[in-house]
Amino acid sequence: MNAIEEVARRAGVSRATVTRVVQGHRYVSAGTRARVQQVVQELDYRPSSAARTLASGRAGALGVVLGGPLDPESATWVAAVERATRLTGRALVVRTVPDGCPGSLTRAVQELAAQQVDGIALLCPSQEVDLPRLRDAAGTVPLQSAHDWEGEHNTWTSSGVLAVRHLRSVGHAVVHVVVGDPEAARAQALLRRSTVGPSTARVRVVTVGRDPAGTGPTVATALATSGASAVVAESDRTAWHLLSDLRRLGVRVPEDVALVSCGDAPGAAFSRPGLTVVRHHLAGPATRLVDGLLHGPAVRPPSAGPPDVELVVRGSCGTTAGRLAAAG
């Protein structure tokens, strides 16, 4: 018995169904798809890329365009997308555009489309991108931005809600949200629901720019002089710069300012004080992103299941350590 027949036997489906699942055909039920993918993972089944390319005219791969500075968040996202892609029997092709230049992003998308990838995921957290232009560059290849394609279900949107909700719950009347480029996908997602809705608290947006190392001292000074008592940083990198700059100004964290960050990069727990963070669990978002690229916009995130974000309370917000999962 060859490998594909063993997958079919264990999953209780036909060989043709296994082929449809690994080739990403839309008309397979969610339950059957999940069952086949589970067996594919257990057996480490790797379909012949040459045979699949001949049959479908595609490369049997997904593409990722990583724009902007390389940071722990981007690396974590790429790893999660790679794992989700591997479960479909595909490879992952990554193009990096460190300068984030619009022309360079367009060329990267065109290169991936020319390789006949099955879809392109865009990871450009810290800058504004022209999605219509990039989709034109992709042609018939589906393209989605990881940071905004799920709307209110987006991981960053949930992060903003959870961080602001926590600071409000411990008595802060005003919460300052510090973002880089306010038009970037990550910032837009972070602010989508955290700045609206009935509440006695207010949220103020503070822009630090794409280089928190250069502009951080100015932002820290503005926060200190305004009497800010609660801050949400859009990334651990931004939070670390704020910690350092506030300390130089004699502003104590958490005694004077409570600080919550989004991400939980390695080292966040060992800051002085340890960073309270909204930790991201990216297996679910990455799987939904891959499914959305392969099976179209009809795929929607589940209404129930494990949360994609989790509040981990440490010393930087001055409350008892613990964890709180997002309500959604």
Foldseek 3Di string as FASTA:
>chain_A
DDDLVVLCVQLVHDSVVLVCLLLLPQPDDPVSSVSSLVSCVVVVDADDQVVSCVVPVARQEEEEEAEAADDQVVVVLVVLLQVLSVSSNGGYHYHYHHHRDQVVLLVVLLVVLVNRHQAYEYHYQADAYDVVSSVVSSPPQHYDYLLPPQPCLGPLLLFLQVQLVVLVVVPFQEEEEEGAPCNGSSNCSNCVPNQDDDDSHHYHYHYQHSDCLVRVLVSLVVCVVVQEAEYEYAAVVNVVSSCVNVVVVVADFNVRHAYEYEDPGPCQVVPVNRHWYWHFQCNQSSNQVVSCSSNHPVRHRDPDDFAGIKTFDTRRRPDDTDIDGGPD
